Amino acid sequence: MATLSELLDLARERATAMNLPYEGALTPAEAHQVWGLAPGARLVDVRTRAEWDWVGRVPNAVEIEWLSWPGSQPNPAFLNQLRQQVDPEALVMFMCRSGARSDAAARAAKSAGFTNCYNVLEGFEGDKDANGQRNRIGGWRHAGLPWHQG
């Protein structure tokens, strides 16, 4: 198993290679390891309430919608809710379904003064396979990491 320093170095290297404005990008397995190794680290799941209820939840994750359900409208209270639940100096990992909304959330958090933001690549469900189905290529669930049905 990699050390916390090794995992964060790898995430920072990815951020540089991908030209990301926040600290780094982690695979789901790496994010799970970081969560266990870094005291005070938080995983923020930015999917919708419907996704948490119908697709599944990560135990002990902070749940804050980036887009509201129904309607997929931006959550105007996102940053205020984040500030209420997460220390701005904590190591914060953002996760969504496949990594796009969490990238946007990490960018917003970084711009709002959160100092240690990471995106979880692949998200909870990963990319679609050749049949248009998720949970078969990448993602938190596919990696066998802790989750439960909503």
N, C-alpha and C. Protein backbone atom coordinates (compact mmCIF):
# COMPACT_ATOMS: atom_id res chain seq x y z
N MET A 1 0.84 -1.18 0.00
CA MET A 1 0.00 0.00 0.00
C MET A 1 0.89 1.24 0.00
N ALA A 2 0.47 2.24 -0.76
CA ALA A 2 1.23 3.48 -0.87
C ALA A 2 1.05 4.33 0.39
N THR A 3 2.03 5.19 0.63
CA THR A 3 1.93 6.12 1.75
C THR A 3 1.05 7.31 1.34
N LEU A 4 0.61 8.06 2.33
CA LEU A 4 -0.17 9.26 2.05
C LEU A 4 0.62 10.21 1.15
N SER A 5 1.88 10.42 1.45
CA SER A 5 2.72 11.32 0.64
C SER A 5 2.81 10.84 -0.81
N GLU A 6 2.98 9.55 -1.00
CA GLU A 6 3.06 9.00 -2.37
C GLU A 6 1.75 9.21 -3.12
N LEU A 7 0.63 8.96 -2.45
CA LEU A 7 -0.67 9.13 -3.09
C LEU A 7 -0.91 10.58 -3.48
N LEU A 8 -0.61 11.50 -2.58
CA LEU A 8 -0.84 12.92 -2.86
C LEU A 8 0.13 13.43 -3.91
N ASP A 9 1.37 12.94 -3.93
CA ASP A 9 2.32 13.32 -4.98
C ASP A 9 1.80 12.89 -6.35
N LEU A 10 1.29 11.67 -6.44
CA LEU A 10 0.74 11.18 -7.69
C LEU A 10 -0.46 12.03 -8.13
N ALA A 11 -1.32 12.38 -7.17
CA ALA A 11 -2.49 13.21 -7.48
C ALA A 11 -2.06 14.59 -7.98
N ARG A 12 -1.01 15.14 -7.37
CA ARG A 12 -0.51 16.45 -7.79
C ARG A 12 0.11 16.38 -9.19
N GLU A 13 0.82 15.28 -9.47
CA GLU A 13 1.39 15.10 -10.81
C GLU A 13 0.28 15.08 -11.87
N ARG A 14 -0.82 14.40 -11.56
CA ARG A 14 -1.96 14.36 -12.49
C ARG A 14 -2.52 15.76 -12.69
N ALA A 15 -2.63 16.52 -11.59
CA ALA A 15 -3.17 17.88 -11.70
C ALA A 15 -2.32 18.73 -12.62
N THR A 16 -1.00 18.60 -12.50
CA THR A 16 -0.09 19.34 -13.37
C THR A 16 -0.27 18.90 -14.81
N ALA A 17 -0.31 17.59 -15.04
CA ALA A 17 -0.45 17.06 -16.40
C ALA A 17 -1.79 17.45 -17.03
N MET A 18 -2.83 17.54 -16.20
CA MET A 18 -4.18 17.87 -16.69
C MET A 18 -4.47 19.36 -16.61
N ASN A 19 -3.49 20.15 -16.13
CA ASN A 19 -3.64 21.59 -15.99
C ASN A 19 -4.85 21.96 -15.12
N LEU A 20 -4.95 21.31 -13.98
CA LEU A 20 -6.06 21.55 -13.06
C LEU A 20 -5.71 22.68 -12.09
N PRO A 21 -6.68 23.51 -11.71
CA PRO A 21 -6.41 24.62 -10.81
C PRO A 21 -6.43 24.23 -9.33
N TYR A 22 -6.76 23.00 -9.03
CA TYR A 22 -6.78 22.52 -7.64
C TYR A 22 -5.65 21.52 -7.45
N GLU A 23 -5.53 21.00 -6.23
CA GLU A 23 -4.34 20.25 -5.83
C GLU A 23 -4.11 18.94 -6.57
N GLY A 24 -5.17 18.18 -6.86
CA GLY A 24 -4.89 16.90 -7.48
C GLY A 24 -6.11 16.11 -7.89
N ALA A 25 -5.84 14.98 -8.53
CA ALA A 25 -6.87 14.06 -9.00
C ALA A 25 -6.49 12.65 -8.57
N LEU A 26 -7.45 11.96 -7.97
CA LEU A 26 -7.24 10.63 -7.42
C LEU A 26 -8.18 9.61 -8.06
N THR A 27 -7.72 8.38 -8.22
CA THR A 27 -8.63 7.31 -8.60
C THR A 27 -9.50 7.00 -7.38
N PRO A 28 -10.61 6.29 -7.56
CA PRO A 28 -11.41 5.93 -6.40
C PRO A 28 -10.62 5.15 -5.35
N ALA A 29 -9.82 4.19 -5.76
CA ALA A 29 -9.04 3.40 -4.79
C ALA A 29 -8.05 4.29 -4.04
N GLU A 30 -7.41 5.21 -4.76
CA GLU A 30 -6.48 6.13 -4.09
C GLU A 30 -7.21 7.04 -3.12
N ALA A 31 -8.38 7.54 -3.53
CA ALA A 31 -9.17 8.41 -2.66
C ALA A 31 -9.56 7.68 -1.38
N HIS A 32 -9.95 6.44 -1.51
CA HIS A 32 -10.32 5.64 -0.33
C HIS A 32 -9.13 5.49 0.60
N GLN A 33 -7.95 5.24 0.05
CA GLN A 33 -6.74 5.12 0.87
C GLN A 33 -6.41 6.45 1.55
N VAL A 34 -6.48 7.55 0.80
CA VAL A 34 -6.20 8.87 1.37
C VAL A 34 -7.17 9.15 2.52
N TRP A 35 -8.43 8.85 2.30
CA TRP A 35 -9.47 9.08 3.31
C TRP A 35 -9.11 8.35 4.61
N GLY A 36 -8.57 7.16 4.49
CA GLY A 36 -8.20 6.40 5.67
C GLY A 36 -6.89 6.85 6.31
N LEU A 37 -6.01 7.45 5.52
CA LEU A 37 -4.68 7.82 6.01
C LEU A 37 -4.57 9.27 6.50
N ALA A 38 -5.40 10.15 5.98
CA ALA A 38 -5.28 11.58 6.30
C ALA A 38 -6.30 11.98 7.36
N PRO A 39 -5.83 12.27 8.56
CA PRO A 39 -6.77 12.69 9.62
C PRO A 39 -7.55 13.94 9.18
N GLY A 40 -8.84 13.90 9.35
CA GLY A 40 -9.67 15.05 9.00
C GLY A 40 -10.04 15.16 7.54
N ALA A 41 -9.56 14.26 6.69
CA ALA A 41 -9.92 14.31 5.26
C ALA A 41 -11.42 14.07 5.12
N ARG A 42 -12.01 14.73 4.13
CA ARG A 42 -13.44 14.59 3.89
C ARG A 42 -13.70 14.20 2.45
N LEU A 43 -14.65 13.31 2.24
CA LEU A 43 -15.13 12.96 0.91
C LEU A 43 -16.48 13.65 0.75
N VAL A 44 -16.59 14.52 -0.25
CA VAL A 44 -17.83 15.25 -0.49
C VAL A 44 -18.46 14.70 -1.77
N ASP A 45 -19.62 14.07 -1.61
CA ASP A 45 -20.36 13.49 -2.72
C ASP A 45 -21.31 14.56 -3.24
N VAL A 46 -21.09 15.02 -4.47
CA VAL A 46 -21.87 16.13 -5.01
C VAL A 46 -22.97 15.68 -5.97
N ARG A 47 -23.30 14.39 -5.94
CA ARG A 47 -24.40 13.89 -6.77
C ARG A 47 -25.74 14.42 -6.23
N THR A 48 -26.82 14.07 -6.90
CA THR A 48 -28.15 14.52 -6.48
C THR A 48 -28.75 13.59 -5.43
N ARG A 49 -29.76 14.11 -4.74
CA ARG A 49 -30.48 13.28 -3.76
C ARG A 49 -31.01 12.01 -4.42
N ALA A 50 -31.49 12.13 -5.64
CA ALA A 50 -32.00 10.96 -6.35
C ALA A 50 -30.90 9.92 -6.54
N GLU A 51 -29.71 10.35 -6.89
CA GLU A 51 -28.60 9.41 -7.07
C GLU A 51 -28.24 8.75 -5.75
N TRP A 52 -28.21 9.52 -4.66
CA TRP A 52 -27.90 8.91 -3.35
C TRP A 52 -28.95 7.88 -3.00
N ASP A 53 -30.22 8.24 -3.20
CA ASP A 53 -31.32 7.35 -2.81
C ASP A 53 -31.44 6.12 -3.71
N TRP A 54 -31.27 6.31 -5.01
CA TRP A 54 -31.56 5.23 -5.95
C TRP A 54 -30.33 4.45 -6.41
N VAL A 55 -29.17 5.09 -6.43
CA VAL A 55 -27.97 4.44 -6.95
C VAL A 55 -27.09 3.91 -5.82
N GLY A 56 -26.93 4.71 -4.77
CA GLY A 56 -26.14 4.27 -3.63
C GLY A 56 -25.41 5.41 -2.96
N ARG A 57 -25.01 5.15 -1.73
CA ARG A 57 -24.31 6.14 -0.91
C ARG A 57 -22.98 5.58 -0.43
N VAL A 58 -22.05 6.51 -0.18
CA VAL A 58 -20.77 6.15 0.43
C VAL A 58 -20.91 6.48 1.92
N PRO A 59 -20.72 5.49 2.79
CA PRO A 59 -20.84 5.75 4.23
C PRO A 59 -19.90 6.86 4.69
N ASN A 60 -20.43 7.77 5.49
CA ASN A 60 -19.68 8.87 6.10
C ASN A 60 -19.24 9.96 5.13
N ALA A 61 -19.70 9.91 3.89
CA ALA A 61 -19.40 11.01 2.96
C ALA A 61 -20.30 12.20 3.31
N VAL A 62 -19.80 13.39 3.06
CA VAL A 62 -20.60 14.60 3.16
C VAL A 62 -21.40 14.69 1.86
N GLU A 63 -22.71 14.86 1.95
CA GLU A 63 -23.55 14.90 0.75
C GLU A 63 -24.07 16.32 0.54
N ILE A 64 -23.63 16.94 -0.56
CA ILE A 64 -24.07 18.28 -0.93
C ILE A 64 -24.31 18.28 -2.44
N GLU A 65 -25.52 18.50 -2.85
CA GLU A 65 -25.82 18.52 -4.29
C GLU A 65 -25.10 19.67 -4.99
N TRP A 66 -24.47 19.36 -6.11
CA TRP A 66 -23.92 20.40 -6.99
C TRP A 66 -25.03 20.92 -7.88
N LEU A 67 -25.81 20.00 -8.42
CA LEU A 67 -27.01 20.33 -9.20
C LEU A 67 -28.20 19.74 -8.45
N SER A 68 -29.31 20.46 -8.48
CA SER A 68 -30.49 19.99 -7.74
C SER A 68 -31.28 18.96 -8.54
N TRP A 69 -32.03 18.16 -7.82
CA TRP A 69 -32.94 17.19 -8.42
C TRP A 69 -34.33 17.55 -7.96
N PRO A 70 -35.34 17.57 -8.84
CA PRO A 70 -35.20 17.44 -10.30
C PRO A 70 -34.78 18.76 -10.93
N GLY A 71 -34.50 18.69 -12.20
CA GLY A 71 -34.24 19.90 -12.97
C GLY A 71 -32.79 20.20 -13.27
N SER A 72 -31.86 19.59 -12.54
CA SER A 72 -30.43 19.81 -12.77
C SER A 72 -30.05 21.29 -12.78
N GLN A 73 -30.61 22.04 -11.84
CA GLN A 73 -30.25 23.45 -11.68
C GLN A 73 -29.09 23.56 -10.70
N PRO A 74 -28.17 24.48 -10.92
CA PRO A 74 -27.07 24.67 -9.97
C PRO A 74 -27.60 24.96 -8.56
N ASN A 75 -26.94 24.38 -7.57
CA ASN A 75 -27.31 24.60 -6.17
C ASN A 75 -26.67 25.92 -5.74
N PRO A 76 -27.47 26.99 -5.57
CA PRO A 76 -26.89 28.29 -5.21
C PRO A 76 -26.29 28.30 -3.80
N ALA A 77 -26.65 27.34 -2.98
CA ALA A 77 -26.15 27.27 -1.60
C ALA A 77 -24.96 26.35 -1.46
N PHE A 78 -24.43 25.81 -2.56
CA PHE A 78 -23.37 24.81 -2.48
C PHE A 78 -22.20 25.26 -1.60
N LEU A 79 -21.63 26.41 -1.88
CA LEU A 79 -20.45 26.84 -1.13
C LEU A 79 -20.78 27.12 0.34
N ASN A 80 -21.94 27.68 0.61
CA ASN A 80 -22.33 27.90 2.01
C ASN A 80 -22.50 26.57 2.74
N GLN A 81 -23.13 25.60 2.09
CA GLN A 81 -23.31 24.28 2.70
C GLN A 81 -21.95 23.61 2.91
N LEU A 82 -21.05 23.77 1.95
CA LEU A 82 -19.71 23.20 2.08
C LEU A 82 -18.98 23.83 3.27
N ARG A 83 -19.05 25.15 3.38
CA ARG A 83 -18.38 25.83 4.50
C ARG A 83 -18.96 25.39 5.85
N GLN A 84 -20.25 25.11 5.90
CA GLN A 84 -20.89 24.68 7.15
C GLN A 84 -20.45 23.28 7.58
N GLN A 85 -20.10 22.45 6.60
CA GLN A 85 -19.84 21.03 6.91
C GLN A 85 -18.37 20.61 6.80
N VAL A 86 -17.54 21.45 6.17
CA VAL A 86 -16.15 21.05 5.91
C VAL A 86 -15.21 22.22 6.22
N ASP A 87 -14.16 21.93 6.95
CA ASP A 87 -13.13 22.92 7.26
C ASP A 87 -12.42 23.32 5.96
N PRO A 88 -12.31 24.62 5.67
CA PRO A 88 -11.66 25.06 4.43
C PRO A 88 -10.19 24.63 4.31
N GLU A 89 -9.57 24.24 5.41
CA GLU A 89 -8.18 23.79 5.35
C GLU A 89 -8.05 22.27 5.33
N ALA A 90 -9.17 21.57 5.40
CA ALA A 90 -9.13 20.10 5.36
C ALA A 90 -8.78 19.61 3.96
N LEU A 91 -8.27 18.40 3.88
CA LEU A 91 -8.10 17.74 2.59
C LEU A 91 -9.50 17.31 2.16
N VAL A 92 -9.97 17.85 1.04
CA VAL A 92 -11.34 17.61 0.58
C VAL A 92 -11.30 16.94 -0.78
N MET A 93 -11.96 15.79 -0.87
CA MET A 93 -12.07 15.05 -2.13
C MET A 93 -13.51 15.12 -2.60
N PHE A 94 -13.71 15.53 -3.83
CA PHE A 94 -15.05 15.68 -4.40
C PHE A 94 -15.33 14.52 -5.34
N MET A 95 -16.54 13.95 -5.24
CA MET A 95 -16.93 12.83 -6.09
C MET A 95 -18.34 13.04 -6.61
N CYS A 96 -18.57 12.66 -7.86
CA CYS A 96 -19.92 12.66 -8.44
C CYS A 96 -20.12 11.31 -9.14
N ARG A 97 -20.94 11.27 -10.17
CA ARG A 97 -21.18 10.02 -10.87
C ARG A 97 -19.96 9.57 -11.66
N SER A 98 -19.36 10.51 -12.43
CA SER A 98 -18.27 10.10 -13.32
C SER A 98 -17.06 11.04 -13.30
N GLY A 99 -17.10 12.09 -12.50
CA GLY A 99 -15.94 12.96 -12.35
C GLY A 99 -16.08 14.37 -12.90
N ALA A 100 -17.18 14.68 -13.61
CA ALA A 100 -17.32 16.02 -14.21
C ALA A 100 -17.87 17.04 -13.21
N ARG A 101 -18.98 16.73 -12.55
CA ARG A 101 -19.54 17.67 -11.57
C ARG A 101 -18.56 17.88 -10.41
N SER A 102 -17.87 16.81 -10.02
CA SER A 102 -16.91 16.94 -8.93
C SER A 102 -15.72 17.81 -9.32
N ASP A 103 -15.34 17.78 -10.60
CA ASP A 103 -14.30 18.69 -11.08
C ASP A 103 -14.78 20.13 -10.92
N ALA A 104 -16.00 20.40 -11.32
CA ALA A 104 -16.56 21.76 -11.19
C ALA A 104 -16.64 22.17 -9.72
N ALA A 105 -17.03 21.25 -8.85
CA ALA A 105 -17.13 21.54 -7.42
C ALA A 105 -15.75 21.82 -6.83
N ALA A 106 -14.74 21.04 -7.23
CA ALA A 106 -13.38 21.27 -6.73
C ALA A 106 -12.86 22.63 -7.19
N ARG A 107 -13.15 22.99 -8.43
CA ARG A 107 -12.74 24.30 -8.95
C ARG A 107 -13.41 25.42 -8.14
N ALA A 108 -14.71 25.28 -7.89
CA ALA A 108 -15.45 26.30 -7.14
C ALA A 108 -14.93 26.41 -5.71
N ALA A 109 -14.70 25.27 -5.08
CA ALA A 109 -14.20 25.28 -3.70
C ALA A 109 -12.82 25.93 -3.64
N LYS A 110 -11.95 25.60 -4.58
CA LYS A 110 -10.62 26.20 -4.62
C LYS A 110 -10.72 27.72 -4.77
N SER A 111 -11.57 28.16 -5.67
CA SER A 111 -11.76 29.60 -5.89
C SER A 111 -12.34 30.29 -4.66
N ALA A 112 -13.09 29.54 -3.85
CA ALA A 112 -13.72 30.09 -2.65
C ALA A 112 -12.82 30.03 -1.42
N GLY A 113 -11.58 29.57 -1.59
CA GLY A 113 -10.63 29.59 -0.48
C GLY A 113 -10.34 28.26 0.18
N PHE A 114 -10.94 27.16 -0.31
CA PHE A 114 -10.57 25.84 0.22
C PHE A 114 -9.18 25.54 -0.31
N THR A 115 -8.29 25.12 0.57
CA THR A 115 -6.87 25.08 0.21
C THR A 115 -6.35 23.72 -0.25
N ASN A 116 -7.13 22.66 -0.10
CA ASN A 116 -6.61 21.32 -0.34
C ASN A 116 -7.66 20.46 -1.04
N CYS A 117 -7.97 20.80 -2.31
CA CYS A 117 -9.07 20.18 -3.05
C CYS A 117 -8.56 19.13 -4.05
N TYR A 118 -9.28 18.02 -4.10
CA TYR A 118 -8.96 16.92 -5.02
C TYR A 118 -10.23 16.44 -5.69
N ASN A 119 -10.12 16.01 -6.93
CA ASN A 119 -11.24 15.40 -7.64
C ASN A 119 -11.04 13.88 -7.64
N VAL A 120 -12.14 13.15 -7.47
CA VAL A 120 -12.10 11.70 -7.59
C VAL A 120 -12.46 11.35 -9.03
N LEU A 121 -11.44 10.95 -9.79
CA LEU A 121 -11.64 10.55 -11.18
C LEU A 121 -12.55 9.33 -11.24
N GLU A 122 -13.31 9.21 -12.30
CA GLU A 122 -14.22 8.08 -12.53
C GLU A 122 -15.50 8.17 -11.71
N GLY A 123 -15.48 8.89 -10.58
CA GLY A 123 -16.68 9.06 -9.78
C GLY A 123 -17.20 7.78 -9.14
N PHE A 124 -18.48 7.80 -8.81
CA PHE A 124 -19.12 6.68 -8.13
C PHE A 124 -19.42 5.53 -9.09
N GLU A 125 -19.84 5.89 -10.32
CA GLU A 125 -20.29 4.87 -11.26
C GLU A 125 -19.37 4.62 -12.45
N GLY A 126 -18.40 5.49 -12.68
CA GLY A 126 -17.49 5.31 -13.80
C GLY A 126 -18.11 5.69 -15.13
N ASP A 127 -17.35 5.46 -16.20
CA ASP A 127 -17.80 5.78 -17.55
C ASP A 127 -18.75 4.70 -18.07
N LYS A 128 -19.48 5.06 -19.13
CA LYS A 128 -20.36 4.08 -19.79
C LYS A 128 -19.52 3.09 -20.59
N ASP A 129 -19.99 1.84 -20.61
CA ASP A 129 -19.33 0.83 -21.44
C ASP A 129 -19.90 0.88 -22.86
N ALA A 130 -19.53 -0.08 -23.70
CA ALA A 130 -19.98 -0.10 -25.10
C ALA A 130 -21.49 -0.20 -25.22
N ASN A 131 -22.15 -0.73 -24.17
CA ASN A 131 -23.61 -0.86 -24.17
C ASN A 131 -24.30 0.32 -23.50
N GLY A 132 -23.53 1.35 -23.16
CA GLY A 132 -24.11 2.53 -22.54
C GLY A 132 -24.44 2.36 -21.06
N GLN A 133 -23.83 1.36 -20.41
CA GLN A 133 -24.11 1.11 -19.00
C GLN A 133 -22.91 1.47 -18.15
N ARG A 134 -23.20 1.98 -16.97
CA ARG A 134 -22.15 2.35 -16.02
C ARG A 134 -21.90 1.20 -15.04
N ASN A 135 -20.92 1.40 -14.14
CA ASN A 135 -20.54 0.44 -13.09
C ASN A 135 -19.79 -0.77 -13.63
N ARG A 136 -19.31 -0.69 -14.85
CA ARG A 136 -18.53 -1.78 -15.42
C ARG A 136 -17.12 -1.34 -15.79
N ILE A 137 -16.93 -0.02 -15.93
CA ILE A 137 -15.62 0.54 -16.28
C ILE A 137 -15.34 1.65 -15.27
N GLY A 138 -14.43 1.39 -14.35
CA GLY A 138 -14.04 2.41 -13.38
C GLY A 138 -15.13 2.74 -12.37
N GLY A 139 -14.81 3.65 -11.48
CA GLY A 139 -15.76 4.11 -10.49
C GLY A 139 -15.59 3.46 -9.13
N TRP A 140 -16.14 4.15 -8.13
CA TRP A 140 -16.08 3.72 -6.73
C TRP A 140 -16.68 2.34 -6.54
N ARG A 141 -17.89 2.13 -7.06
CA ARG A 141 -18.56 0.83 -6.88
C ARG A 141 -17.80 -0.29 -7.57
N HIS A 142 -17.39 -0.06 -8.82
CA HIS A 142 -16.67 -1.08 -9.57
C HIS A 142 -15.37 -1.47 -8.88
N ALA A 143 -14.76 -0.52 -8.16
CA ALA A 143 -13.51 -0.80 -7.44
C ALA A 143 -13.75 -1.60 -6.16
N GLY A 144 -15.02 -1.86 -5.83
CA GLY A 144 -15.33 -2.65 -4.65
C GLY A 144 -15.16 -1.88 -3.34
N LEU A 145 -15.25 -0.58 -3.38
CA LEU A 145 -15.08 0.25 -2.19
C LEU A 145 -16.40 0.36 -1.43
N PRO A 146 -16.38 0.77 -0.17
CA PRO A 146 -17.59 0.76 0.65
C PRO A 146 -18.71 1.65 0.10
N TRP A 147 -19.90 1.08 0.02
CA TRP A 147 -21.09 1.82 -0.36
C TRP A 147 -22.29 0.99 0.08
N HIS A 148 -23.43 1.62 0.11
CA HIS A 148 -24.65 0.88 0.40
C HIS A 148 -25.78 1.46 -0.43
N GLN A 149 -26.79 0.65 -0.65
CA GLN A 149 -27.95 1.10 -1.41
C GLN A 149 -28.64 2.18 -0.62
N GLY A 150 -29.05 3.25 -1.33
CA GLY A 150 -29.66 4.42 -0.69
C GLY A 150 -30.77 4.05 0.23
